[in-house]
Amino acid sequence: KVMFNDELFMRQGRGIQPTQRARQLFGPIRQALQLIRNELPSSVFQPESSTRLFKLAICSPCDMRFAPKIMAKVNQQAPHVQLHLDAE
């Protein structure tokens, strides 16, 4: 939003919809990300040994009801991963 001086998503009902500007940016951003992926070394995520930190944004208070299930599943499959939930 700040970089493009334009709204990229607008609230619609309980969700959000991309604006025309966001739809215009989709192709170029997708290509840029693919170029980056092509240059990064290939690695396979191994959940059982990973110690990575994952940050999840919770968009609405209703989504918080899924947090315990998400955290339990992550802890079961990736016991050393840190998971931070942000509800702001």
PDB file of N, CA and C in Angstrom:
ATOM      1  N   LYS A   1       0.830  -1.188   0.000  1.00  0.00           N
ATOM      2  CA  LYS A   1       0.000   0.000   0.000  1.00  0.00           C
ATOM      3  C   LYS A   1       0.874   1.250   0.000  1.00  0.00           C
ATOM      4  N   VAL A   2       1.859   1.292   0.876  1.00  0.00           N
ATOM      5  CA  VAL A   2       2.713   2.469   0.987  1.00  0.00           C
ATOM      6  C   VAL A   2       3.600   2.607  -0.245  1.00  0.00           C
ATOM      7  N   MET A   3       4.219   1.497  -0.677  1.00  0.00           N
ATOM      8  CA  MET A   3       5.119   1.549  -1.836  1.00  0.00           C
ATOM      9  C   MET A   3       4.410   1.995  -3.108  1.00  0.00           C
ATOM     10  N   PHE A   4       3.184   1.568  -3.284  1.00  0.00           N
ATOM     11  CA  PHE A   4       2.460   1.854  -4.515  1.00  0.00           C
ATOM     12  C   PHE A   4       1.496   3.027  -4.364  1.00  0.00           C
ATOM     13  N   ASN A   5       1.425   3.595  -3.142  1.00  0.00           N
ATOM     14  CA  ASN A   5       0.534   4.713  -2.854  1.00  0.00           C
ATOM     15  C   ASN A   5      -0.886   4.414  -3.343  1.00  0.00           C
ATOM     16  N   ASP A   6      -1.325   3.212  -3.041  1.00  0.00           N
ATOM     17  CA  ASP A   6      -2.613   2.748  -3.538  1.00  0.00           C
ATOM     18  C   ASP A   6      -3.094   1.602  -2.650  1.00  0.00           C
ATOM     19  N   GLU A   7      -4.388   1.522  -2.471  1.00  0.00           N
ATOM     20  CA  GLU A   7      -4.956   0.382  -1.761  1.00  0.00           C
ATOM     21  C   GLU A   7      -4.797  -0.845  -2.648  1.00  0.00           C
ATOM     22  N   LEU A   8      -4.337  -1.947  -2.069  1.00  0.00           N
ATOM     23  CA  LEU A   8      -4.188  -3.166  -2.850  1.00  0.00           C
ATOM     24  C   LEU A   8      -5.310  -4.161  -2.576  1.00  0.00           C
ATOM     25  N   PHE A   9      -5.908  -4.059  -1.388  1.00  0.00           N
ATOM     26  CA  PHE A   9      -7.010  -4.947  -1.026  1.00  0.00           C
ATOM     27  C   PHE A   9      -8.083  -4.130  -0.328  1.00  0.00           C
ATOM     28  N   MET A  10      -9.325  -4.489  -0.574  1.00  0.00           N
ATOM     29  CA  MET A  10     -10.463  -3.808   0.048  1.00  0.00           C
ATOM     30  C   MET A  10     -11.318  -4.847   0.765  1.00  0.00           C
ATOM     31  N   ARG A  11     -11.808  -4.465   1.937  1.00  0.00           N
ATOM     32  CA  ARG A  11     -12.713  -5.357   2.666  1.00  0.00           C
ATOM     33  C   ARG A  11     -14.006  -5.519   1.880  1.00  0.00           C
ATOM     34  N   GLN A  12     -14.487  -6.755   1.868  1.00  0.00           N
ATOM     35  CA  GLN A  12     -15.762  -7.043   1.228  1.00  0.00           C
ATOM     36  C   GLN A  12     -16.426  -8.142   2.035  1.00  0.00           C
ATOM     37  N   GLY A  13     -17.470  -7.804   2.735  1.00  0.00           N
ATOM     38  CA  GLY A  13     -18.115  -8.771   3.615  1.00  0.00           C
ATOM     39  C   GLY A  13     -17.156  -9.200   4.703  1.00  0.00           C
ATOM     40  N   ARG A  14     -16.941 -10.495   4.836  1.00  0.00           N
ATOM     41  CA  ARG A  14     -16.026 -11.029   5.855  1.00  0.00           C
ATOM     42  C   ARG A  14     -14.612 -11.239   5.322  1.00  0.00           C
ATOM     43  N   GLY A  15     -14.390 -10.920   4.076  1.00  0.00           N
ATOM     44  CA  GLY A  15     -13.078 -11.152   3.488  1.00  0.00           C
ATOM     45  C   GLY A  15     -12.506  -9.901   2.859  1.00  0.00           C
ATOM     46  N   ILE A  16     -11.522 -10.105   2.013  1.00  0.00           N
ATOM     47  CA  ILE A  16     -10.920  -9.009   1.274  1.00  0.00           C
ATOM     48  C   ILE A  16     -10.847  -9.389  -0.194  1.00  0.00           C
ATOM     49  N   GLN A  17     -10.849  -8.383  -1.027  1.00  0.00           N
ATOM     50  CA  GLN A  17     -10.751  -8.582  -2.471  1.00  0.00           C
ATOM     51  C   GLN A  17      -9.619  -7.723  -3.008  1.00  0.00           C
ATOM     52  N   PRO A  18      -8.860  -8.231  -3.981  1.00  0.00           N
ATOM     53  CA  PRO A  18      -7.797  -7.412  -4.566  1.00  0.00           C
ATOM     54  C   PRO A  18      -8.399  -6.277  -5.396  1.00  0.00           C
ATOM     55  N   THR A  19      -7.746  -5.134  -5.360  1.00  0.00           N
ATOM     56  CA  THR A  19      -8.161  -4.014  -6.196  1.00  0.00           C
ATOM     57  C   THR A  19      -7.621  -4.226  -7.605  1.00  0.00           C
ATOM     58  N   GLN A  20      -8.010  -3.345  -8.506  1.00  0.00           N
ATOM     59  CA  GLN A  20      -7.504  -3.420  -9.879  1.00  0.00           C
ATOM     60  C   GLN A  20      -5.983  -3.308  -9.883  1.00  0.00           C
ATOM     61  N   ARG A  21      -5.428  -2.435  -9.032  1.00  0.00           N
ATOM     62  CA  ARG A  21      -3.971  -2.262  -8.959  1.00  0.00           C
ATOM     63  C   ARG A  21      -3.295  -3.557  -8.512  1.00  0.00           C
ATOM     64  N   ALA A  22      -3.869  -4.245  -7.533  1.00  0.00           N
ATOM     65  CA  ALA A  22      -3.301  -5.515  -7.068  1.00  0.00           C
ATOM     66  C   ALA A  22      -3.313  -6.544  -8.191  1.00  0.00           C
ATOM     67  N   ARG A  23      -4.385  -6.580  -8.947  1.00  0.00           N
ATOM     68  CA  ARG A  23      -4.459  -7.525 -10.073  1.00  0.00           C
ATOM     69  C   ARG A  23      -3.414  -7.191 -11.139  1.00  0.00           C
ATOM     70  N   GLN A  24      -3.147  -5.902 -11.351  1.00  0.00           N
ATOM     71  CA  GLN A  24      -2.119  -5.499 -12.318  1.00  0.00           C
ATOM     72  C   GLN A  24      -0.729  -5.923 -11.861  1.00  0.00           C
ATOM     73  N   LEU A  25      -0.497  -5.907 -10.559  1.00  0.00           N
ATOM     74  CA  LEU A  25       0.820  -6.233 -10.014  1.00  0.00           C
ATOM     75  C   LEU A  25       1.072  -7.733  -9.919  1.00  0.00           C
ATOM     76  N   PHE A  26       0.028  -8.535  -9.996  1.00  0.00           N
ATOM     77  CA  PHE A  26       0.159  -9.969  -9.788  1.00  0.00           C
ATOM     78  C   PHE A  26       1.195 -10.601 -10.712  1.00  0.00           C
ATOM     79  N   GLY A  27       1.106 -10.350 -12.001  1.00  0.00           N
ATOM     80  CA  GLY A  27       2.033 -10.952 -12.966  1.00  0.00           C
ATOM     81  C   GLY A  27       3.485 -10.561 -12.732  1.00  0.00           C
ATOM     82  N   PRO A  28       3.780  -9.251 -12.659  1.00  0.00           N
ATOM     83  CA  PRO A  28       5.170  -8.847 -12.422  1.00  0.00           C
ATOM     84  C   PRO A  28       5.746  -9.358 -11.099  1.00  0.00           C
ATOM     85  N   ILE A  29       4.951  -9.358 -10.053  1.00  0.00           N
ATOM     86  CA  ILE A  29       5.445  -9.854  -8.760  1.00  0.00           C
ATOM     87  C   ILE A  29       5.685 -11.355  -8.835  1.00  0.00           C
ATOM     88  N   ARG A  30       4.801 -12.053  -9.492  1.00  0.00           N
ATOM     89  CA  ARG A  30       4.968 -13.502  -9.662  1.00  0.00           C
ATOM     90  C   ARG A  30       6.267 -13.817 -10.405  1.00  0.00           C
ATOM     91  N   GLN A  31       6.548 -13.054 -11.467  1.00  0.00           N
ATOM     92  CA  GLN A  31       7.780 -13.260 -12.233  1.00  0.00           C
ATOM     93  C   GLN A  31       9.014 -12.954 -11.387  1.00  0.00           C
ATOM     94  N   ALA A  32       8.952 -11.876 -10.610  1.00  0.00           N
ATOM     95  CA  ALA A  32      10.088 -11.509  -9.755  1.00  0.00           C
ATOM     96  C   ALA A  32      10.355 -12.595  -8.724  1.00  0.00           C
ATOM     97  N   LEU A  33       9.303 -13.125  -8.120  1.00  0.00           N
ATOM     98  CA  LEU A  33       9.478 -14.194  -7.131  1.00  0.00           C
ATOM     99  C   LEU A  33      10.055 -15.455  -7.772  1.00  0.00           C
ATOM    100  N   GLN A  34       9.651 -15.751  -8.981  1.00  0.00           N
ATOM    101  CA  GLN A  34      10.187 -16.925  -9.669  1.00  0.00           C
ATOM    102  C   GLN A  34      11.676 -16.750  -9.952  1.00  0.00           C
ATOM    103  N   LEU A  35      12.086 -15.551 -10.348  1.00  0.00           N
ATOM    104  CA  LEU A  35      13.509 -15.279 -10.568  1.00  0.00           C
ATOM    105  C   LEU A  35      14.303 -15.483  -9.282  1.00  0.00           C
ATOM    106  N   ILE A  36      13.759 -15.023  -8.176  1.00  0.00           N
ATOM    107  CA  ILE A  36      14.430 -15.197  -6.880  1.00  0.00           C
ATOM    108  C   ILE A  36      14.523 -16.676  -6.535  1.00  0.00           C
ATOM    109  N   ARG A  37      13.419 -17.412  -6.714  1.00  0.00           N
ATOM    110  CA  ARG A  37      13.420 -18.855  -6.423  1.00  0.00           C
ATOM    111  C   ARG A  37      14.468 -19.591  -7.254  1.00  0.00           C
ATOM    112  N   ASN A  38      14.611 -19.182  -8.498  1.00  0.00           N
ATOM    113  CA  ASN A  38      15.576 -19.841  -9.381  1.00  0.00           C
ATOM    114  C   ASN A  38      17.013 -19.633  -8.920  1.00  0.00           C
ATOM    115  N   GLU A  39      17.292 -18.560  -8.224  1.00  0.00           N
ATOM    116  CA  GLU A  39      18.650 -18.247  -7.788  1.00  0.00           C
ATOM    117  C   GLU A  39      18.981 -18.797  -6.401  1.00  0.00           C
ATOM    118  N   LEU A  40      17.969 -19.128  -5.625  1.00  0.00           N
ATOM    119  CA  LEU A  40      18.206 -19.646  -4.276  1.00  0.00           C
ATOM    120  C   LEU A  40      18.560 -21.125  -4.327  1.00  0.00           C
ATOM    121  N   PRO A  41      19.416 -21.559  -3.418  1.00  0.00           N
ATOM    122  CA  PRO A  41      19.733 -22.993  -3.393  1.00  0.00           C
ATOM    123  C   PRO A  41      18.492 -23.802  -3.027  1.00  0.00           C
ATOM    124  N   SER A  42      18.383 -24.936  -3.646  1.00  0.00           N
ATOM    125  CA  SER A  42      17.246 -25.814  -3.389  1.00  0.00           C
ATOM    126  C   SER A  42      17.405 -26.485  -2.027  1.00  0.00           C
ATOM    127  N   SER A  43      16.360 -26.440  -1.249  1.00  0.00           N
ATOM    128  CA  SER A  43      16.390 -27.141   0.032  1.00  0.00           C
ATOM    129  C   SER A  43      15.005 -27.718   0.303  1.00  0.00           C
ATOM    130  N   VAL A  44      14.996 -28.823   0.958  1.00  0.00           N
ATOM    131  CA  VAL A  44      13.750 -29.502   1.292  1.00  0.00           C
ATOM    132  C   VAL A  44      13.452 -29.237   2.760  1.00  0.00           C
ATOM    133  N   PHE A  45      12.235 -28.808   3.036  1.00  0.00           N
ATOM    134  CA  PHE A  45      11.832 -28.551   4.412  1.00  0.00           C
ATOM    135  C   PHE A  45      11.681 -29.876   5.147  1.00  0.00           C
ATOM    136  N   GLN A  46      12.386 -30.002   6.267  1.00  0.00           N
ATOM    137  CA  GLN A  46      12.299 -31.197   7.102  1.00  0.00           C
ATOM    138  C   GLN A  46      11.696 -30.786   8.444  1.00  0.00           C
ATOM    139  N   PRO A  47      10.384 -30.959   8.594  1.00  0.00           N
ATOM    140  CA  PRO A  47       9.703 -30.463   9.789  1.00  0.00           C
ATOM    141  C   PRO A  47      10.223 -31.054  11.094  1.00  0.00           C
ATOM    142  N   GLU A  48      10.632 -32.308  11.078  1.00  0.00           N
ATOM    143  CA  GLU A  48      11.054 -32.956  12.329  1.00  0.00           C
ATOM    144  C   GLU A  48      12.345 -32.373  12.896  1.00  0.00           C
ATOM    145  N   SER A  49      13.171 -31.730  12.059  1.00  0.00           N
ATOM    146  CA  SER A  49      14.429 -31.171  12.558  1.00  0.00           C
ATOM    147  C   SER A  49      14.521 -29.649  12.413  1.00  0.00           C
ATOM    148  N   SER A  50      13.514 -29.037  11.835  1.00  0.00           N
ATOM    149  CA  SER A  50      13.550 -27.595  11.617  1.00  0.00           C
ATOM    150  C   SER A  50      13.437 -26.827  12.932  1.00  0.00           C
ATOM    151  N   THR A  51      14.175 -25.726  13.021  1.00  0.00           N
ATOM    152  CA  THR A  51      14.091 -24.826  14.182  1.00  0.00           C
ATOM    153  C   THR A  51      13.652 -23.436  13.734  1.00  0.00           C
ATOM    154  N   ARG A  52      12.985 -23.366  12.615  1.00  0.00           N
ATOM    155  CA  ARG A  52      12.566 -22.085  12.048  1.00  0.00           C
ATOM    156  C   ARG A  52      11.464 -21.435  12.872  1.00  0.00           C
ATOM    157  N   LEU A  53      11.321 -20.134  12.684  1.00  0.00           N
ATOM    158  CA  LEU A  53      10.260 -19.355  13.309  1.00  0.00           C
ATOM    159  C   LEU A  53       9.250 -19.001  12.224  1.00  0.00           C
ATOM    160  N   PHE A  54       7.997 -19.321  12.469  1.00  0.00           N
ATOM    161  CA  PHE A  54       6.927 -18.971  11.547  1.00  0.00           C
ATOM    162  C   PHE A  54       6.003 -17.981  12.241  1.00  0.00           C
ATOM    163  N   LYS A  55       5.637 -16.926  11.531  1.00  0.00           N
ATOM    164  CA  LYS A  55       4.716 -15.924  12.066  1.00  0.00           C
ATOM    165  C   LYS A  55       3.433 -15.974  11.249  1.00  0.00           C
ATOM    166  N   LEU A  56       2.324 -16.138  11.951  1.00  0.00           N
ATOM    167  CA  LEU A  56       1.022 -16.186  11.295  1.00  0.00           C
ATOM    168  C   LEU A  56       0.195 -14.996  11.749  1.00  0.00           C
ATOM    169  N   ALA A  57      -0.417 -14.309  10.811  1.00  0.00           N
ATOM    170  CA  ALA A  57      -1.305 -13.193  11.133  1.00  0.00           C
ATOM    171  C   ALA A  57      -2.734 -13.715  11.191  1.00  0.00           C
ATOM    172  N   ILE A  58      -3.387 -13.447  12.287  1.00  0.00           N
ATOM    173  CA  ILE A  58      -4.785 -13.826  12.464  1.00  0.00           C
ATOM    174  C   ILE A  58      -5.605 -12.573  12.183  1.00  0.00           C
ATOM    175  N   CYS A  59      -6.435 -12.623  11.149  1.00  0.00           N
ATOM    176  CA  CYS A  59      -7.127 -11.419  10.684  1.00  0.00           C
ATOM    177  C   CYS A  59      -8.360 -11.048  11.496  1.00  0.00           C
ATOM    178  N   SER A  60      -9.000 -11.999  12.087  1.00  0.00           N
ATOM    179  CA  SER A  60     -10.210 -11.671  12.841  1.00  0.00           C
ATOM    180  C   SER A  60     -10.252 -12.498  14.120  1.00  0.00           C
ATOM    181  N   PRO A  61     -10.967 -11.990  15.115  1.00  0.00           N
ATOM    182  CA  PRO A  61     -11.082 -12.750  16.368  1.00  0.00           C
ATOM    183  C   PRO A  61     -11.657 -14.151  16.156  1.00  0.00           C
ATOM    184  N   CYS A  62     -12.497 -14.310  15.154  1.00  0.00           N
ATOM    185  CA  CYS A  62     -13.080 -15.628  14.878  1.00  0.00           C
ATOM    186  C   CYS A  62     -12.009 -16.630  14.465  1.00  0.00           C
ATOM    187  N   ASP A  63     -10.960 -16.140  13.798  1.00  0.00           N
ATOM    188  CA  ASP A  63      -9.887 -17.033  13.358  1.00  0.00           C
ATOM    189  C   ASP A  63      -9.094 -17.593  14.528  1.00  0.00           C
ATOM    190  N   MET A  64      -9.131 -16.925  15.674  1.00  0.00           N
ATOM    191  CA  MET A  64      -8.380 -17.379  16.848  1.00  0.00           C
ATOM    192  C   MET A  64      -8.859 -18.750  17.325  1.00  0.00           C
ATOM    193  N   ARG A  65     -10.071 -19.113  16.989  1.00  0.00           N
ATOM    194  CA  ARG A  65     -10.581 -20.418  17.438  1.00  0.00           C
ATOM    195  C   ARG A  65      -9.799 -21.577  16.816  1.00  0.00           C
ATOM    196  N   PHE A  66      -9.125 -21.320  15.689  1.00  0.00           N
ATOM    197  CA  PHE A  66      -8.324 -22.355  15.032  1.00  0.00           C
ATOM    198  C   PHE A  66      -6.905 -22.441  15.583  1.00  0.00           C
ATOM    199  N   ALA A  67      -6.484 -21.436  16.339  1.00  0.00           N
ATOM    200  CA  ALA A  67      -5.099 -21.369  16.827  1.00  0.00           C
ATOM    201  C   ALA A  67      -4.681 -22.608  17.613  1.00  0.00           C
ATOM    202  N   PRO A  68      -5.462 -23.094  18.575  1.00  0.00           N
ATOM    203  CA  PRO A  68      -5.023 -24.285  19.316  1.00  0.00           C
ATOM    204  C   PRO A  68      -4.811 -25.510  18.424  1.00  0.00           C
ATOM    205  N   LYS A  69      -5.675 -25.706  17.440  1.00  0.00           N
ATOM    206  CA  LYS A  69      -5.521 -26.849  16.538  1.00  0.00           C
ATOM    207  C   LYS A  69      -4.281 -26.691  15.663  1.00  0.00           C
ATOM    208  N   ILE A  70      -4.065 -25.480  15.180  1.00  0.00           N
ATOM    209  CA  ILE A  70      -2.881 -25.222  14.348  1.00  0.00           C
ATOM    210  C   ILE A  70      -1.617 -25.481  15.151  1.00  0.00           C
ATOM    211  N   MET A  71      -1.566 -24.936  16.357  1.00  0.00           N
ATOM    212  CA  MET A  71      -0.373 -25.079  17.191  1.00  0.00           C
ATOM    213  C   MET A  71      -0.123 -26.540  17.560  1.00  0.00           C
ATOM    214  N   ALA A  72      -1.178 -27.281  17.859  1.00  0.00           N
ATOM    215  CA  ALA A  72      -1.022 -28.696  18.205  1.00  0.00           C
ATOM    216  C   ALA A  72      -0.481 -29.491  17.016  1.00  0.00           C
ATOM    217  N   LYS A  73      -1.003 -29.217  15.831  1.00  0.00           N
ATOM    218  CA  LYS A  73      -0.552 -29.937  14.631  1.00  0.00           C
ATOM    219  C   LYS A  73       0.906 -29.609  14.310  1.00  0.00           C
ATOM    220  N   VAL A  74       1.266 -28.327  14.416  1.00  0.00           N
ATOM    221  CA  VAL A  74       2.655 -27.932  14.164  1.00  0.00           C
ATOM    222  C   VAL A  74       3.572 -28.595  15.180  1.00  0.00           C
ATOM    223  N   ASN A  75       3.190 -28.574  16.445  1.00  0.00           N
ATOM    224  CA  ASN A  75       4.012 -29.179  17.497  1.00  0.00           C
ATOM    225  C   ASN A  75       4.182 -30.683  17.283  1.00  0.00           C
ATOM    226  N   GLN A  76       3.155 -31.331  16.777  1.00  0.00           N
ATOM    227  CA  GLN A  76       3.214 -32.771  16.521  1.00  0.00           C
ATOM    228  C   GLN A  76       4.179 -33.095  15.372  1.00  0.00           C
ATOM    229  N   GLN A  77       4.104 -32.328  14.300  1.00  0.00           N
ATOM    230  CA  GLN A  77       4.897 -32.645  13.111  1.00  0.00           C
ATOM    231  C   GLN A  77       6.248 -31.940  13.068  1.00  0.00           C
ATOM    232  N   ALA A  78       6.354 -30.811  13.764  1.00  0.00           N
ATOM    233  CA  ALA A  78       7.601 -30.034  13.762  1.00  0.00           C
ATOM    234  C   ALA A  78       7.864 -29.541  15.186  1.00  0.00           C
ATOM    235  N   PRO A  79       8.303 -30.421  16.062  1.00  0.00           N
ATOM    236  CA  PRO A  79       8.390 -30.092  17.489  1.00  0.00           C
ATOM    237  C   PRO A  79       9.364 -28.976  17.856  1.00  0.00           C
ATOM    238  N   HIS A  80      10.330 -28.661  17.000  1.00  0.00           N
ATOM    239  CA  HIS A  80      11.318 -27.630  17.326  1.00  0.00           C
ATOM    240  C   HIS A  80      11.024 -26.291  16.654  1.00  0.00           C
ATOM    241  N   VAL A  81       9.957 -26.234  15.887  1.00  0.00           N
ATOM    242  CA  VAL A  81       9.571 -25.004  15.201  1.00  0.00           C
ATOM    243  C   VAL A  81       8.907 -24.064  16.198  1.00  0.00           C
ATOM    244  N   GLN A  82       9.183 -22.766  16.041  1.00  0.00           N
ATOM    245  CA  GLN A  82       8.506 -21.756  16.851  1.00  0.00           C
ATOM    246  C   GLN A  82       7.379 -21.166  16.013  1.00  0.00           C
ATOM    247  N   LEU A  83       6.241 -20.976  16.632  1.00  0.00           N
ATOM    248  CA  LEU A  83       5.083 -20.435  15.936  1.00  0.00           C
ATOM    249  C   LEU A  83       4.575 -19.233  16.715  1.00  0.00           C
ATOM    250  N   HIS A  84       4.581 -18.068  16.076  1.00  0.00           N
ATOM    251  CA  HIS A  84       4.077 -16.848  16.702  1.00  0.00           C
ATOM    252  C   HIS A  84       2.813 -16.426  15.973  1.00  0.00           C
ATOM    253  N   LEU A  85       1.749 -16.216  16.733  1.00  0.00           N
ATOM    254  CA  LEU A  85       0.490 -15.767  16.161  1.00  0.00           C
ATOM    255  C   LEU A  85       0.317 -14.291  16.467  1.00  0.00           C
ATOM    256  N   ASP A  86      -0.045 -13.513  15.456  1.00  0.00           N
ATOM    257  CA  ASP A  86      -0.253 -12.078  15.610  1.00  0.00           C
ATOM    258  C   ASP A  86      -1.706 -11.782  15.284  1.00  0.00           C
ATOM    259  N   ALA A  87      -2.437 -11.270  16.267  1.00  0.00           N
ATOM    260  CA  ALA A  87      -3.861 -11.007  16.083  1.00  0.00           C
ATOM    261  C   ALA A  87      -4.147  -9.535  15.805  1.00  0.00           C
ATOM    262  N   GLU A  88      -3.150  -8.761  15.484  1.00  0.00           N
ATOM    263  CA  GLU A  88      -3.380  -7.333  15.217  1.00  0.00           C
ATOM    264  C   GLU A  88      -3.651  -7.080  13.772  1.00  0.00           C
TER     265      GLU A  88
END
